[in-house]
C-alpha cells in the first residue's frame, strides 16, 4: 500500500462515520455506513495473506447483507410513513428489521459468528479499528431506532452477554478473545439502550478507550496467543503492570473505569423492575471475567520455559513509547471517583 492511500482510507473512515452520525435522512445514513465499509476493506487486505483475504471476503459479504437489510427497512418505513427522515419508528416490521440489520453489522449474538473469524484474520491495528471505530455509526442508528423494541433488544443483549462469556472460555488466540469480549460488551449496551441511551453511549466510549489500549499492548508485544502473552512480562515492566489493569477494566472490576457503566446499567435495569434481567446479565459477565483473569494469570504469574540458545527476553526493547496509551491506562485506573461527573456529561 502506497503512503498516500492510507491517509485517504482513514479520512474516508472518519467521514463515513460523521455522515452517519449527523444525517437526518436514511439514505445519507446508509451512504455513510457504506463509505465506512468500503474504506476499511483495503486496510483489511493489505497483508495479502490467505487468512486476511478470507476475513475480508467474509466481512464484505456480511456487511453487504446488513446494508441491504438497512436499506430495505428504510424503504418499508418510507412506504408506510411517506418520508425518509430519521425519526422514531412506528412500523414494527421496519423497526425490527433495522435492529436485526444493525445487530448483524456490529456482531450482536446470535448474529455474531462472523466476528471472531474475521478478527482472527486481521492484524492488530486493523482489528482495533474494527472493534472500536466501526461500532460508532451502527450504534448511533440503533440508539435512534431501538427505543421501542424492548423485548428484541433484551433478547439480543442477554444472548450476547452469554455467548461472549461462553465463547471466550476455550480460546487461546487473543484476537478471538477480544472478539468475544466485544460481543459481551455490546450485549451490555443493548440491554441499557431502551431505558438509558446515555448509558449505552458511555459504555461504548469507555469500551473503546480500554480496547484501544489492549490492542496496542498486543501489537507491541506481538501477543497473538496466550503463550506469547506469557513471555511478554520480561519485555517491559510497564506492560506487566498495565495489562492486568486493562483486563480487569474490561471485566468490570472496581476500582477500574470499566466498573462504572456496568454498575449504572444494573442500577437502571433494577429501577425499571427488570431485576431478573440484571441478575442474568451480571452472572453472565462472570464468564467473561474468567478469561480476563486467565490472561492476567498467564502474563503475571507464569514463566514460560526458555532454552539457553534463545534470545533473552530482557534484551528485547519496545520500539516506541505510546504516550496516549500511558495516559489512558492512568485514566482507567484513577478515574473511578469522577464517575458521577462522567454520568452527568453523557446524560446532558
C-alpha atoms as a PDB file:
ATOM      1  CA  UNK A   1       0.000   0.000   0.000  1.00  0.00           C
ATOM      2  CA  UNK A   2       1.426   3.366  -1.027  1.00  0.00           C
ATOM      3  CA  UNK A   3       1.912   6.061   1.632  1.00  0.00           C
ATOM      4  CA  UNK A   4      -0.747   8.255   0.021  1.00  0.00           C
ATOM      5  CA  UNK A   5      -3.532   5.669   0.169  1.00  0.00           C
ATOM      6  CA  UNK A   6      -3.577   5.086   3.932  1.00  0.00           C
ATOM      7  CA  UNK A   7      -4.483   8.733   4.850  1.00  0.00           C
ATOM      8  CA  UNK A   8      -7.265   8.671   2.242  1.00  0.00           C
ATOM      9  CA  UNK A   9      -8.721   5.492   3.726  1.00  0.00           C
ATOM     10  CA  UNK A  10      -8.502   6.814   7.292  1.00  0.00           C
ATOM     11  CA  UNK A  11     -10.154  10.068   6.197  1.00  0.00           C
ATOM     12  CA  UNK A  12     -12.906   8.061   4.493  1.00  0.00           C
ATOM     13  CA  UNK A  13     -13.482   6.099   7.709  1.00  0.00           C
ATOM     14  CA  UNK A  14     -13.787   9.368   9.604  1.00  0.00           C
ATOM     15  CA  UNK A  15     -16.094  10.985   7.054  1.00  0.00           C
ATOM     16  CA  UNK A  16     -18.334   7.930   6.739  1.00  0.00           C
ATOM     17  CA  UNK A  17     -18.924   7.863  10.491  1.00  0.00           C
ATOM     18  CA  UNK A  18     -19.539  11.624  10.654  1.00  0.00           C
ATOM     19  CA  UNK A  19     -22.023  11.451   7.760  1.00  0.00           C
ATOM     20  CA  UNK A  20     -23.987   8.699   9.510  1.00  0.00           C
ATOM     21  CA  UNK A  21     -23.975  10.446  12.897  1.00  0.00           C
ATOM     22  CA  UNK A  22     -25.053  13.851  11.564  1.00  0.00           C
ATOM     23  CA  UNK A  23     -27.518  12.731   8.890  1.00  0.00           C
ATOM     24  CA  UNK A  24     -31.252  13.277   9.201  1.00  0.00           C
ATOM     25  CA  UNK A  25     -32.084  11.146   6.168  1.00  0.00           C
ATOM     26  CA  UNK A  26     -31.898   7.374   5.932  1.00  0.00           C
ATOM     27  CA  UNK A  27     -30.254   7.465   2.513  1.00  0.00           C
ATOM     28  CA  UNK A  28     -27.427   9.648   3.829  1.00  0.00           C
ATOM     29  CA  UNK A  29     -27.034   7.404   6.879  1.00  0.00           C
ATOM     30  CA  UNK A  30     -26.853   4.345   4.640  1.00  0.00           C
ATOM     31  CA  UNK A  31     -24.325   6.073   2.403  1.00  0.00           C
ATOM     32  CA  UNK A  32     -22.095   6.894   5.393  1.00  0.00           C
ATOM     33  CA  UNK A  33     -22.139   3.264   6.529  1.00  0.00           C
ATOM     34  CA  UNK A  34     -21.218   2.104   3.027  1.00  0.00           C
ATOM     35  CA  UNK A  35     -18.314   4.572   2.861  1.00  0.00           C
ATOM     36  CA  UNK A  36     -17.142   3.157   6.184  1.00  0.00           C
ATOM     37  CA  UNK A  37     -17.277  -0.399   4.899  1.00  0.00           C
ATOM     38  CA  UNK A  38     -15.526   0.320   1.608  1.00  0.00           C
ATOM     39  CA  UNK A  39     -12.771   2.284   3.374  1.00  0.00           C
ATOM     40  CA  UNK A  40     -11.787  -0.470   5.801  1.00  0.00           C
ATOM     41  CA  UNK A  41     -11.666  -3.294   3.238  1.00  0.00           C
ATOM     42  CA  UNK A  42      -8.274  -2.228   1.715  1.00  0.00           C
ATOM     43  CA  UNK A  43      -6.873  -1.942   5.238  1.00  0.00           C
ATOM     44  CA  UNK A  44      -8.000  -5.500   5.978  1.00  0.00           C
ATOM     45  CA  UNK A  45      -6.446  -6.994   2.832  1.00  0.00           C
ATOM     46  CA  UNK A  46      -3.169  -5.069   2.881  1.00  0.00           C
ATOM     47  CA  UNK A  47      -1.122  -8.001   4.282  1.00  0.00           C
ATOM     48  CA  UNK A  48      -2.007 -10.205   1.232  1.00  0.00           C
ATOM     49  CA  UNK A  49      -2.247 -13.250   3.497  1.00  0.00           C
ATOM     50  CA  UNK A  50      -4.782 -16.023   2.741  1.00  0.00           C
ATOM     51  CA  UNK A  51      -6.371 -15.549   6.171  1.00  0.00           C
ATOM     52  CA  UNK A  52      -6.660 -11.825   5.560  1.00  0.00           C
ATOM     53  CA  UNK A  53      -8.288 -12.473   2.178  1.00  0.00           C
ATOM     54  CA  UNK A  54     -10.741 -14.892   3.780  1.00  0.00           C
ATOM     55  CA  UNK A  55     -11.550 -12.447   6.587  1.00  0.00           C
ATOM     56  CA  UNK A  56     -12.036  -9.586   4.112  1.00  0.00           C
ATOM     57  CA  UNK A  57     -14.362 -11.662   1.937  1.00  0.00           C
ATOM     58  CA  UNK A  58     -16.464 -12.720   4.933  1.00  0.00           C
ATOM     59  CA  UNK A  59     -16.621  -9.158   6.206  1.00  0.00           C
ATOM     60  CA  UNK A  60     -17.662  -7.766   2.828  1.00  0.00           C
ATOM     61  CA  UNK A  61     -20.450 -10.329   2.374  1.00  0.00           C
ATOM     62  CA  UNK A  62     -21.833  -9.820   5.882  1.00  0.00           C
ATOM     63  CA  UNK A  63     -21.680  -6.017   5.686  1.00  0.00           C
ATOM     64  CA  UNK A  64     -23.302  -6.013   2.238  1.00  0.00           C
ATOM     65  CA  UNK A  65     -26.161  -8.167   3.524  1.00  0.00           C
ATOM     66  CA  UNK A  66     -26.606  -5.913   6.568  1.00  0.00           C
ATOM     67  CA  UNK A  67     -26.551  -2.770   4.400  1.00  0.00           C
ATOM     68  CA  UNK A  68     -29.192  -4.266   2.108  1.00  0.00           C
ATOM     69  CA  UNK A  69     -31.380  -5.010   5.139  1.00  0.00           C
ATOM     70  CA  UNK A  70     -30.954  -1.436   6.385  1.00  0.00           C
ATOM     71  CA  UNK A  71     -31.941  -0.014   3.011  1.00  0.00           C
ATOM     72  CA  UNK A  72     -34.904  -2.389   2.792  1.00  0.00           C
ATOM     73  CA  UNK A  73     -36.030  -1.290   6.267  1.00  0.00           C
ATOM     74  CA  UNK A  74     -35.772   2.365   5.246  1.00  0.00           C
ATOM     75  CA  UNK A  75     -37.832   1.654   2.107  1.00  0.00           C
ATOM     76  CA  UNK A  76     -40.561  -0.003   4.183  1.00  0.00           C
ATOM     77  CA  UNK A  77     -40.590   2.980   6.538  1.00  0.00           C
ATOM     78  CA  UNK A  78     -40.772   5.438   3.636  1.00  0.00           C
ATOM     79  CA  UNK A  79     -43.585   3.419   2.111  1.00  0.00           C
ATOM     80  CA  UNK A  80     -45.661   3.439   5.309  1.00  0.00           C
ATOM     81  CA  UNK A  81     -44.897   6.968   6.537  1.00  0.00           C
ATOM     82  CA  UNK A  82     -44.150   8.790   3.281  1.00  0.00           C
ATOM     83  CA  UNK A  83     -40.809  10.271   4.406  1.00  0.00           C
ATOM     84  CA  UNK A  84     -37.126   9.335   4.535  1.00  0.00           C
ATOM     85  CA  UNK A  85     -36.256  11.351   7.618  1.00  0.00           C
ATOM     86  CA  UNK A  86     -34.842   9.660  10.722  1.00  0.00           C
ATOM     87  CA  UNK A  87     -37.430   9.780  13.477  1.00  0.00           C
ATOM     88  CA  UNK A  88     -38.975   7.269  15.918  1.00  0.00           C
ATOM     89  CA  UNK A  89     -40.208   4.251  14.034  1.00  0.00           C
ATOM     90  CA  UNK A  90     -43.917   3.457  14.093  1.00  0.00           C
ATOM     91  CA  UNK A  91     -43.932   0.348  11.911  1.00  0.00           C
ATOM     92  CA  UNK A  92     -42.871  -2.764  13.911  1.00  0.00           C
ATOM     93  CA  UNK A  93     -41.688  -4.635  10.809  1.00  0.00           C
ATOM     94  CA  UNK A  94     -39.267  -1.973   9.632  1.00  0.00           C
ATOM     95  CA  UNK A  95     -38.036  -1.326  13.195  1.00  0.00           C
ATOM     96  CA  UNK A  96     -37.325  -4.993  13.901  1.00  0.00           C
ATOM     97  CA  UNK A  97     -35.645  -5.426  10.527  1.00  0.00           C
ATOM     98  CA  UNK A  98     -33.435  -2.408  11.144  1.00  0.00           C
ATOM     99  CA  UNK A  99     -32.413  -3.613  14.614  1.00  0.00           C
ATOM    100  CA  UNK A 100     -31.514  -7.051  13.267  1.00  0.00           C
ATOM    101  CA  UNK A 101     -29.523  -5.482  10.426  1.00  0.00           C
ATOM    102  CA  UNK A 102     -27.566  -3.279  12.830  1.00  0.00           C
ATOM    103  CA  UNK A 103     -27.027  -6.271  15.134  1.00  0.00           C
ATOM    104  CA  UNK A 104     -25.589  -8.192  12.181  1.00  0.00           C
ATOM    105  CA  UNK A 105     -23.355  -5.269  11.253  1.00  0.00           C
ATOM    106  CA  UNK A 106     -21.935  -4.901  14.783  1.00  0.00           C
ATOM    107  CA  UNK A 107     -21.795  -8.577  15.748  1.00  0.00           C
ATOM    108  CA  UNK A 108     -24.529  -8.933  18.353  1.00  0.00           C
ATOM    109  CA  UNK A 109     -25.464 -12.530  19.157  1.00  0.00           C
ATOM    110  CA  UNK A 110     -26.976 -14.641  17.652  1.00  0.00           C
ATOM    111  CA  UNK A 111     -25.740 -12.795  14.529  1.00  0.00           C
ATOM    112  CA  UNK A 112     -22.152 -12.857  15.761  1.00  0.00           C
ATOM    113  CA  UNK A 113     -20.498 -15.886  14.177  1.00  0.00           C
ATOM    114  CA  UNK A 114     -18.594 -13.838  11.582  1.00  0.00           C
ATOM    115  CA  UNK A 115     -16.822 -11.561  14.071  1.00  0.00           C
ATOM    116  CA  UNK A 116     -14.304 -13.987  15.712  1.00  0.00           C
ATOM    117  CA  UNK A 117     -13.246 -15.448  12.354  1.00  0.00           C
ATOM    118  CA  UNK A 118     -12.866 -12.040  10.735  1.00  0.00           C
ATOM    119  CA  UNK A 119     -10.921 -10.576  13.651  1.00  0.00           C
ATOM    120  CA  UNK A 120      -8.636 -13.619  13.738  1.00  0.00           C
ATOM    121  CA  UNK A 121      -7.550 -12.981  10.142  1.00  0.00           C
ATOM    122  CA  UNK A 122      -6.595  -9.319  10.687  1.00  0.00           C
ATOM    123  CA  UNK A 123      -3.559  -7.651  12.162  1.00  0.00           C
ATOM    124  CA  UNK A 124      -3.868  -5.866  15.486  1.00  0.00           C
ATOM    125  CA  UNK A 125      -4.143  -2.323  14.139  1.00  0.00           C
ATOM    126  CA  UNK A 126      -6.967  -3.143  11.732  1.00  0.00           C
ATOM    127  CA  UNK A 127      -8.621  -5.340  14.371  1.00  0.00           C
ATOM    128  CA  UNK A 128      -8.565  -2.395  16.742  1.00  0.00           C
ATOM    129  CA  UNK A 129     -10.391  -0.249  14.176  1.00  0.00           C
ATOM    130  CA  UNK A 130     -12.937  -2.997  13.570  1.00  0.00           C
ATOM    131  CA  UNK A 131     -13.562  -3.455  17.302  1.00  0.00           C
ATOM    132  CA  UNK A 132     -13.852   0.244  18.181  1.00  0.00           C
ATOM    133  CA  UNK A 133     -14.417   2.805  15.436  1.00  0.00           C
ATOM    134  CA  UNK A 134     -16.619   0.615  13.268  1.00  0.00           C
ATOM    135  CA  UNK A 135     -19.127   0.302  16.127  1.00  0.00           C
ATOM    136  CA  UNK A 136     -19.885   4.039  16.321  1.00  0.00           C
ATOM    137  CA  UNK A 137     -22.075   4.514  13.238  1.00  0.00           C
ATOM    138  CA  UNK A 138     -24.301   1.414  13.707  1.00  0.00           C
ATOM    139  CA  UNK A 139     -24.695   2.119  17.418  1.00  0.00           C
ATOM    140  CA  UNK A 140     -25.785   5.682  16.622  1.00  0.00           C
ATOM    141  CA  UNK A 141     -28.579   4.396  14.380  1.00  0.00           C
ATOM    142  CA  UNK A 142     -29.514   1.738  16.931  1.00  0.00           C
ATOM    143  CA  UNK A 143     -29.863   4.366  19.664  1.00  0.00           C
ATOM    144  CA  UNK A 144     -32.228   6.387  17.449  1.00  0.00           C
ATOM    145  CA  UNK A 145     -34.396   3.462  16.348  1.00  0.00           C
ATOM    146  CA  UNK A 146     -34.250   0.923  19.156  1.00  0.00           C
ATOM    147  CA  UNK A 147     -36.122   2.626  21.990  1.00  0.00           C
ATOM    148  CA  UNK A 148     -39.445   0.981  21.204  1.00  0.00           C
ATOM    149  CA  UNK A 149     -38.443  -2.653  20.639  1.00  0.00           C
ATOM    150  CA  UNK A 150     -37.624  -3.557  24.235  1.00  0.00           C
ATOM    151  CA  UNK A 151     -38.158  -7.376  24.052  1.00  0.00           C
ATOM    152  CA  UNK A 152     -35.988  -7.721  20.940  1.00  0.00           C
ATOM    153  CA  UNK A 153     -33.157  -5.656  22.400  1.00  0.00           C
ATOM    154  CA  UNK A 154     -33.330  -7.512  25.720  1.00  0.00           C
ATOM    155  CA  UNK A 155     -33.103 -10.820  23.875  1.00  0.00           C
ATOM    156  CA  UNK A 156     -30.131  -9.652  21.810  1.00  0.00           C
ATOM    157  CA  UNK A 157     -28.414  -8.195  24.876  1.00  0.00           C
ATOM    158  CA  UNK A 158     -28.773 -11.227  27.150  1.00  0.00           C
ATOM    159  CA  UNK A 159     -27.804 -13.610  24.343  1.00  0.00           C
ATOM    160  CA  UNK A 160     -24.722 -11.525  23.526  1.00  0.00           C
ATOM    161  CA  UNK A 161     -23.509 -11.452  27.122  1.00  0.00           C
ATOM    162  CA  UNK A 162     -23.966 -15.226  27.407  1.00  0.00           C
ATOM    163  CA  UNK A 163     -22.345 -16.008  24.056  1.00  0.00           C
ATOM    164  CA  UNK A 164     -19.493 -13.566  24.691  1.00  0.00           C
ATOM    165  CA  UNK A 165     -18.726 -15.238  28.007  1.00  0.00           C
ATOM    166  CA  UNK A 166     -19.116 -18.840  26.905  1.00  0.00           C
ATOM    167  CA  UNK A 167     -17.338 -18.391  23.576  1.00  0.00           C
ATOM    168  CA  UNK A 168     -14.178 -16.965  25.116  1.00  0.00           C
ATOM    169  CA  UNK A 169     -13.673 -19.682  27.711  1.00  0.00           C
ATOM    170  CA  UNK A 170     -11.832 -22.170  25.498  1.00  0.00           C
ATOM    171  CA  UNK A 171      -9.935 -19.689  23.307  1.00  0.00           C
ATOM    172  CA  UNK A 172      -6.156 -19.383  23.223  1.00  0.00           C
ATOM    173  CA  UNK A 173      -5.982 -16.792  20.421  1.00  0.00           C
ATOM    174  CA  UNK A 174      -6.009 -13.280  21.860  1.00  0.00           C
ATOM    175  CA  UNK A 175      -7.802 -11.797  18.837  1.00  0.00           C
ATOM    176  CA  UNK A 176     -10.690 -14.250  19.228  1.00  0.00           C
ATOM    177  CA  UNK A 177     -10.804 -13.448  22.950  1.00  0.00           C
ATOM    178  CA  UNK A 178     -11.093  -9.754  22.094  1.00  0.00           C
ATOM    179  CA  UNK A 179     -13.856 -10.601  19.594  1.00  0.00           C
ATOM    180  CA  UNK A 180     -15.929 -12.388  22.230  1.00  0.00           C
ATOM    181  CA  UNK A 181     -15.166  -9.541  24.628  1.00  0.00           C
ATOM    182  CA  UNK A 182     -16.648  -7.157  22.052  1.00  0.00           C
ATOM    183  CA  UNK A 183     -19.783  -9.336  21.769  1.00  0.00           C
ATOM    184  CA  UNK A 184     -20.246  -9.349  25.545  1.00  0.00           C
ATOM    185  CA  UNK A 185     -19.817  -5.575  25.858  1.00  0.00           C
ATOM    186  CA  UNK A 186     -22.259  -4.968  23.016  1.00  0.00           C
ATOM    187  CA  UNK A 187     -24.744  -7.071  24.976  1.00  0.00           C
ATOM    188  CA  UNK A 188     -24.423  -4.731  27.950  1.00  0.00           C
ATOM    189  CA  UNK A 189     -25.012  -1.736  25.684  1.00  0.00           C
ATOM    190  CA  UNK A 190     -28.080  -3.349  24.099  1.00  0.00           C
ATOM    191  CA  UNK A 191     -29.714  -4.054  27.471  1.00  0.00           C
ATOM    192  CA  UNK A 192     -29.323  -0.433  28.564  1.00  0.00           C
ATOM    193  CA  UNK A 193     -30.369   1.146  25.271  1.00  0.00           C
ATOM    194  CA  UNK A 194     -34.213   1.172  25.619  1.00  0.00           C
ATOM    195  CA  UNK A 195     -34.130   2.744  29.095  1.00  0.00           C
ATOM    196  CA  UNK A 196     -30.981   4.886  29.187  1.00  0.00           C
ATOM    197  CA  UNK A 197     -29.323   5.652  25.828  1.00  0.00           C
ATOM    198  CA  UNK A 198     -26.784   7.876  27.592  1.00  0.00           C
ATOM    199  CA  UNK A 199     -25.513   4.814  29.487  1.00  0.00           C
ATOM    200  CA  UNK A 200     -25.108   2.983  26.183  1.00  0.00           C
ATOM    201  CA  UNK A 201     -23.082   5.901  24.842  1.00  0.00           C
ATOM    202  CA  UNK A 202     -20.943   5.993  27.992  1.00  0.00           C
ATOM    203  CA  UNK A 203     -20.353   2.227  27.900  1.00  0.00           C
ATOM    204  CA  UNK A 204     -19.344   2.432  24.231  1.00  0.00           C
ATOM    205  CA  UNK A 205     -16.900   5.278  24.901  1.00  0.00           C
ATOM    206  CA  UNK A 206     -15.206   3.596  27.843  1.00  0.00           C
ATOM    207  CA  UNK A 207     -15.091   0.268  25.991  1.00  0.00           C
ATOM    208  CA  UNK A 208     -13.386   1.940  23.028  1.00  0.00           C
ATOM    209  CA  UNK A 209     -10.749   3.516  25.288  1.00  0.00           C
ATOM    210  CA  UNK A 210      -9.948   0.234  27.049  1.00  0.00           C
ATOM    211  CA  UNK A 211      -9.961  -1.840  23.852  1.00  0.00           C
ATOM    212  CA  UNK A 212      -7.682   0.659  22.134  1.00  0.00           C
ATOM    213  CA  UNK A 213      -5.154   0.270  24.946  1.00  0.00           C
ATOM    214  CA  UNK A 214      -5.410  -3.534  24.923  1.00  0.00           C
ATOM    215  CA  UNK A 215      -4.896  -3.839  21.171  1.00  0.00           C
ATOM    216  CA  UNK A 216      -1.891  -1.509  21.370  1.00  0.00           C
ATOM    217  CA  UNK A 217      -0.287  -3.719  24.016  1.00  0.00           C
ATOM    218  CA  UNK A 218      -0.962  -6.828  21.918  1.00  0.00           C
ATOM    219  CA  UNK A 219       0.578  -5.042  18.931  1.00  0.00           C
ATOM    220  CA  UNK A 220       3.708  -4.022  20.827  1.00  0.00           C
ATOM    221  CA  UNK A 221       4.248  -7.486  22.312  1.00  0.00           C
ATOM    222  CA  UNK A 222       3.007  -9.452  19.270  1.00  0.00           C
ATOM    223  CA  UNK A 223       0.826 -11.422  21.675  1.00  0.00           C
ATOM    224  CA  UNK A 224      -1.188 -13.494  19.236  1.00  0.00           C
ATOM    225  CA  UNK A 225      -1.741 -16.345  21.710  1.00  0.00           C
ATOM    226  CA  UNK A 226      -1.838 -16.745  25.462  1.00  0.00           C
ATOM    227  CA  UNK A 227       1.591 -18.416  25.324  1.00  0.00           C
ATOM    228  CA  UNK A 228       3.004 -15.374  23.521  1.00  0.00           C
ATOM    229  CA  UNK A 229       1.491 -13.134  26.145  1.00  0.00           C
ATOM    230  CA  UNK A 230       3.052 -15.275  28.888  1.00  0.00           C
ATOM    231  CA  UNK A 231       6.522 -14.417  27.574  1.00  0.00           C
ATOM    232  CA  UNK A 232       5.832 -10.687  27.398  1.00  0.00           C
ATOM    233  CA  UNK A 233       6.332  -9.930  31.073  1.00  0.00           C
ATOM    234  CA  UNK A 234      10.125  -9.699  30.647  1.00  0.00           C
ATOM    235  CA  UNK A 235       9.989  -7.274  27.724  1.00  0.00           C
ATOM    236  CA  UNK A 236       8.817  -4.259  29.646  1.00  0.00           C
ATOM    237  CA  UNK A 237       7.691  -3.705  33.222  1.00  0.00           C
ATOM    238  CA  UNK A 238       5.058  -1.186  32.141  1.00  0.00           C
ATOM    239  CA  UNK A 239       3.268  -3.936  30.210  1.00  0.00           C
ATOM    240  CA  UNK A 240       3.406  -6.191  33.262  1.00  0.00           C
ATOM    241  CA  UNK A 241       1.610  -3.531  35.298  1.00  0.00           C
ATOM    242  CA  UNK A 242      -0.818  -2.036  32.776  1.00  0.00           C
ATOM    243  CA  UNK A 243      -2.171  -5.170  31.086  1.00  0.00           C
ATOM    244  CA  UNK A 244      -3.897  -6.658  34.180  1.00  0.00           C
ATOM    245  CA  UNK A 245      -5.419  -3.229  34.880  1.00  0.00           C
ATOM    246  CA  UNK A 246      -6.853  -3.112  31.366  1.00  0.00           C
ATOM    247  CA  UNK A 247      -8.159  -6.674  31.610  1.00  0.00           C
ATOM    248  CA  UNK A 248      -9.809  -6.001  34.973  1.00  0.00           C
ATOM    249  CA  UNK A 249     -11.385  -2.884  33.466  1.00  0.00           C
ATOM    250  CA  UNK A 250     -12.796  -4.956  30.599  1.00  0.00           C
ATOM    251  CA  UNK A 251     -14.140  -7.389  33.179  1.00  0.00           C
ATOM    252  CA  UNK A 252     -15.793  -4.599  35.146  1.00  0.00           C
ATOM    253  CA  UNK A 253     -13.937  -4.977  38.433  1.00  0.00           C
ATOM    254  CA  UNK A 254     -13.676  -1.979  40.769  1.00  0.00           C
ATOM    255  CA  UNK A 255     -11.814   0.318  41.150  1.00  0.00           C
ATOM    256  CA  UNK A 256     -11.139   0.383  37.394  1.00  0.00           C
ATOM    257  CA  UNK A 257     -13.105   2.505  34.972  1.00  0.00           C
ATOM    258  CA  UNK A 258     -14.916  -0.442  33.373  1.00  0.00           C
ATOM    259  CA  UNK A 259     -16.885  -0.918  36.588  1.00  0.00           C
ATOM    260  CA  UNK A 260     -18.720   2.388  36.111  1.00  0.00           C
ATOM    261  CA  UNK A 261     -21.000   1.644  33.098  1.00  0.00           C
ATOM    262  CA  UNK A 262     -21.863  -1.864  34.287  1.00  0.00           C
ATOM    263  CA  UNK A 263     -22.840  -0.607  37.725  1.00  0.00           C
ATOM    264  CA  UNK A 264     -25.038   2.129  36.262  1.00  0.00           C
ATOM    265  CA  UNK A 265     -26.637  -0.274  33.769  1.00  0.00           C
ATOM    266  CA  UNK A 266     -27.509  -2.736  36.537  1.00  0.00           C
ATOM    267  CA  UNK A 267     -28.962   0.098  38.613  1.00  0.00           C
ATOM    268  CA  UNK A 268     -31.036   1.296  35.632  1.00  0.00           C
ATOM    269  CA  UNK A 269     -32.394  -2.192  34.922  1.00  0.00           C
ATOM    270  CA  UNK A 270     -33.304  -2.642  38.583  1.00  0.00           C
ATOM    271  CA  UNK A 271     -35.047   0.740  38.649  1.00  0.00           C
ATOM    272  CA  UNK A 272     -37.254  -0.413  35.750  1.00  0.00           C
ATOM    273  CA  UNK A 273     -38.292  -3.612  37.587  1.00  0.00           C
ATOM    274  CA  UNK A 274     -36.070  -5.830  35.458  1.00  0.00           C
ATOM    275  CA  UNK A 275     -34.240  -7.454  38.344  1.00  0.00           C
ATOM    276  CA  UNK A 276     -34.139 -10.877  36.704  1.00  0.00           C
ATOM    277  CA  UNK A 277     -32.541  -9.438  33.564  1.00  0.00           C
ATOM    278  CA  UNK A 278     -29.998  -7.549  35.657  1.00  0.00           C
ATOM    279  CA  UNK A 279     -29.170 -10.724  37.593  1.00  0.00           C
ATOM    280  CA  UNK A 280     -28.744 -12.813  34.427  1.00  0.00           C
ATOM    281  CA  UNK A 281     -26.508 -10.206  32.800  1.00  0.00           C
ATOM    282  CA  UNK A 282     -24.402  -9.771  35.947  1.00  0.00           C
ATOM    283  CA  UNK A 283     -23.937 -13.517  36.410  1.00  0.00           C
ATOM    284  CA  UNK A 284     -23.133 -13.988  32.723  1.00  0.00           C
ATOM    285  CA  UNK A 285     -20.399 -11.363  32.929  1.00  0.00           C
ATOM    286  CA  UNK A 286     -18.558 -13.633  35.370  1.00  0.00           C
ATOM    287  CA  UNK A 287     -17.829 -15.900  32.411  1.00  0.00           C
ATOM    288  CA  UNK A 288     -16.056 -13.054  30.641  1.00  0.00           C
ATOM    289  CA  UNK A 289     -14.230 -12.183  33.835  1.00  0.00           C
ATOM    290  CA  UNK A 290     -12.829 -15.704  33.945  1.00  0.00           C
ATOM    291  CA  UNK A 291     -10.889 -15.463  30.706  1.00  0.00           C
ATOM    292  CA  UNK A 292      -9.731 -11.938  31.543  1.00  0.00           C
ATOM    293  CA  UNK A 293      -8.265 -13.290  34.780  1.00  0.00           C
ATOM    294  CA  UNK A 294      -6.830 -16.197  32.777  1.00  0.00           C
ATOM    295  CA  UNK A 295      -4.939 -13.757  30.575  1.00  0.00           C
ATOM    296  CA  UNK A 296      -3.728 -11.829  33.632  1.00  0.00           C
ATOM    297  CA  UNK A 297      -2.567 -15.062  35.240  1.00  0.00           C
ATOM    298  CA  UNK A 298      -0.641 -16.081  32.132  1.00  0.00           C
ATOM    299  CA  UNK A 299       1.042 -12.694  31.986  1.00  0.00           C
ATOM    300  CA  UNK A 300       1.926 -12.078  35.618  1.00  0.00           C
ATOM    301  CA  UNK A 301       2.074 -15.413  37.470  1.00  0.00           C
ATOM    302  CA  UNK A 302       3.608 -17.815  34.955  1.00  0.00           C
ATOM    303  CA  UNK A 303       7.029 -18.028  33.382  1.00  0.00           C
ATOM    304  CA  UNK A 304       7.350 -19.699  30.016  1.00  0.00           C
ATOM    305  CA  UNK A 305      10.255 -22.147  29.582  1.00  0.00           C
ATOM    306  CA  UNK A 306      13.161 -20.723  27.598  1.00  0.00           C
ATOM    307  CA  UNK A 307      16.093 -22.583  26.081  1.00  0.00           C
ATOM    308  CA  UNK A 308      19.655 -21.444  26.621  1.00  0.00           C
ATOM    309  CA  UNK A 309      20.095 -20.846  22.891  1.00  0.00           C
ATOM    310  CA  UNK A 310      17.123 -18.495  22.797  1.00  0.00           C
ATOM    311  CA  UNK A 311      17.456 -14.721  22.866  1.00  0.00           C
ATOM    312  CA  UNK A 312      16.942 -13.445  26.428  1.00  0.00           C
ATOM    313  CA  UNK A 313      13.672 -11.585  26.519  1.00  0.00           C
ATOM    314  CA  UNK A 314      15.058  -8.882  28.767  1.00  0.00           C
ATOM    315  CA  UNK A 315      17.268  -7.814  25.878  1.00  0.00           C
ATOM    316  CA  UNK A 316      14.236  -7.001  23.745  1.00  0.00           C
ATOM    317  CA  UNK A 317      13.149  -3.379  23.874  1.00  0.00           C
ATOM    318  CA  UNK A 318       9.909  -1.888  22.665  1.00  0.00           C
ATOM    319  CA  UNK A 319      10.410   0.137  19.519  1.00  0.00           C
ATOM    320  CA  UNK A 320       8.236   3.085  20.517  1.00  0.00           C
ATOM    321  CA  UNK A 321       6.686   4.765  23.504  1.00  0.00           C
ATOM    322  CA  UNK A 322       2.978   5.416  23.330  1.00  0.00           C
ATOM    323  CA  UNK A 323       2.105   8.471  25.407  1.00  0.00           C
ATOM    324  CA  UNK A 324      -1.604   8.153  24.644  1.00  0.00           C
ATOM    325  CA  UNK A 325      -1.577   4.544  25.837  1.00  0.00           C
ATOM    326  CA  UNK A 326       0.055   5.544  29.117  1.00  0.00           C
ATOM    327  CA  UNK A 327      -2.462   8.341  29.640  1.00  0.00           C
ATOM    328  CA  UNK A 328      -5.408   6.025  29.033  1.00  0.00           C
ATOM    329  CA  UNK A 329      -4.075   3.401  31.440  1.00  0.00           C
ATOM    330  CA  UNK A 330      -3.715   6.040  34.155  1.00  0.00           C
ATOM    331  CA  UNK A 331      -7.216   7.301  33.343  1.00  0.00           C
ATOM    332  CA  UNK A 332      -8.683   3.794  33.609  1.00  0.00           C
ATOM    333  CA  UNK A 333      -7.005   3.346  36.993  1.00  0.00           C
ATOM    334  CA  UNK A 334      -7.809   6.576  38.827  1.00  0.00           C
ATOM    335  CA  UNK A 335     -10.962   7.909  37.127  1.00  0.00           C
ATOM    336  CA  UNK A 336     -13.485   5.926  39.164  1.00  0.00           C
ATOM    337  CA  UNK A 337     -14.118   8.719  41.764  1.00  0.00           C
ATOM    338  CA  UNK A 338     -15.138  11.001  38.880  1.00  0.00           C
ATOM    339  CA  UNK A 339     -17.870   8.617  37.705  1.00  0.00           C
ATOM    340  CA  UNK A 340     -20.803  10.872  38.786  1.00  0.00           C
ATOM    341  CA  UNK A 341     -19.367  13.685  36.703  1.00  0.00           C
ATOM    342  CA  UNK A 342     -18.906  11.267  33.807  1.00  0.00           C
ATOM    343  CA  UNK A 343     -22.549  10.211  34.010  1.00  0.00           C
ATOM    344  CA  UNK A 344     -23.649  13.866  34.086  1.00  0.00           C
ATOM    345  CA  UNK A 345     -21.556  14.569  30.983  1.00  0.00           C
ATOM    346  CA  UNK A 346     -23.197  11.809  28.953  1.00  0.00           C
ATOM    347  CA  UNK A 347     -26.662  12.497  30.360  1.00  0.00           C
ATOM    348  CA  UNK A 348     -26.576  16.147  29.336  1.00  0.00           C
END
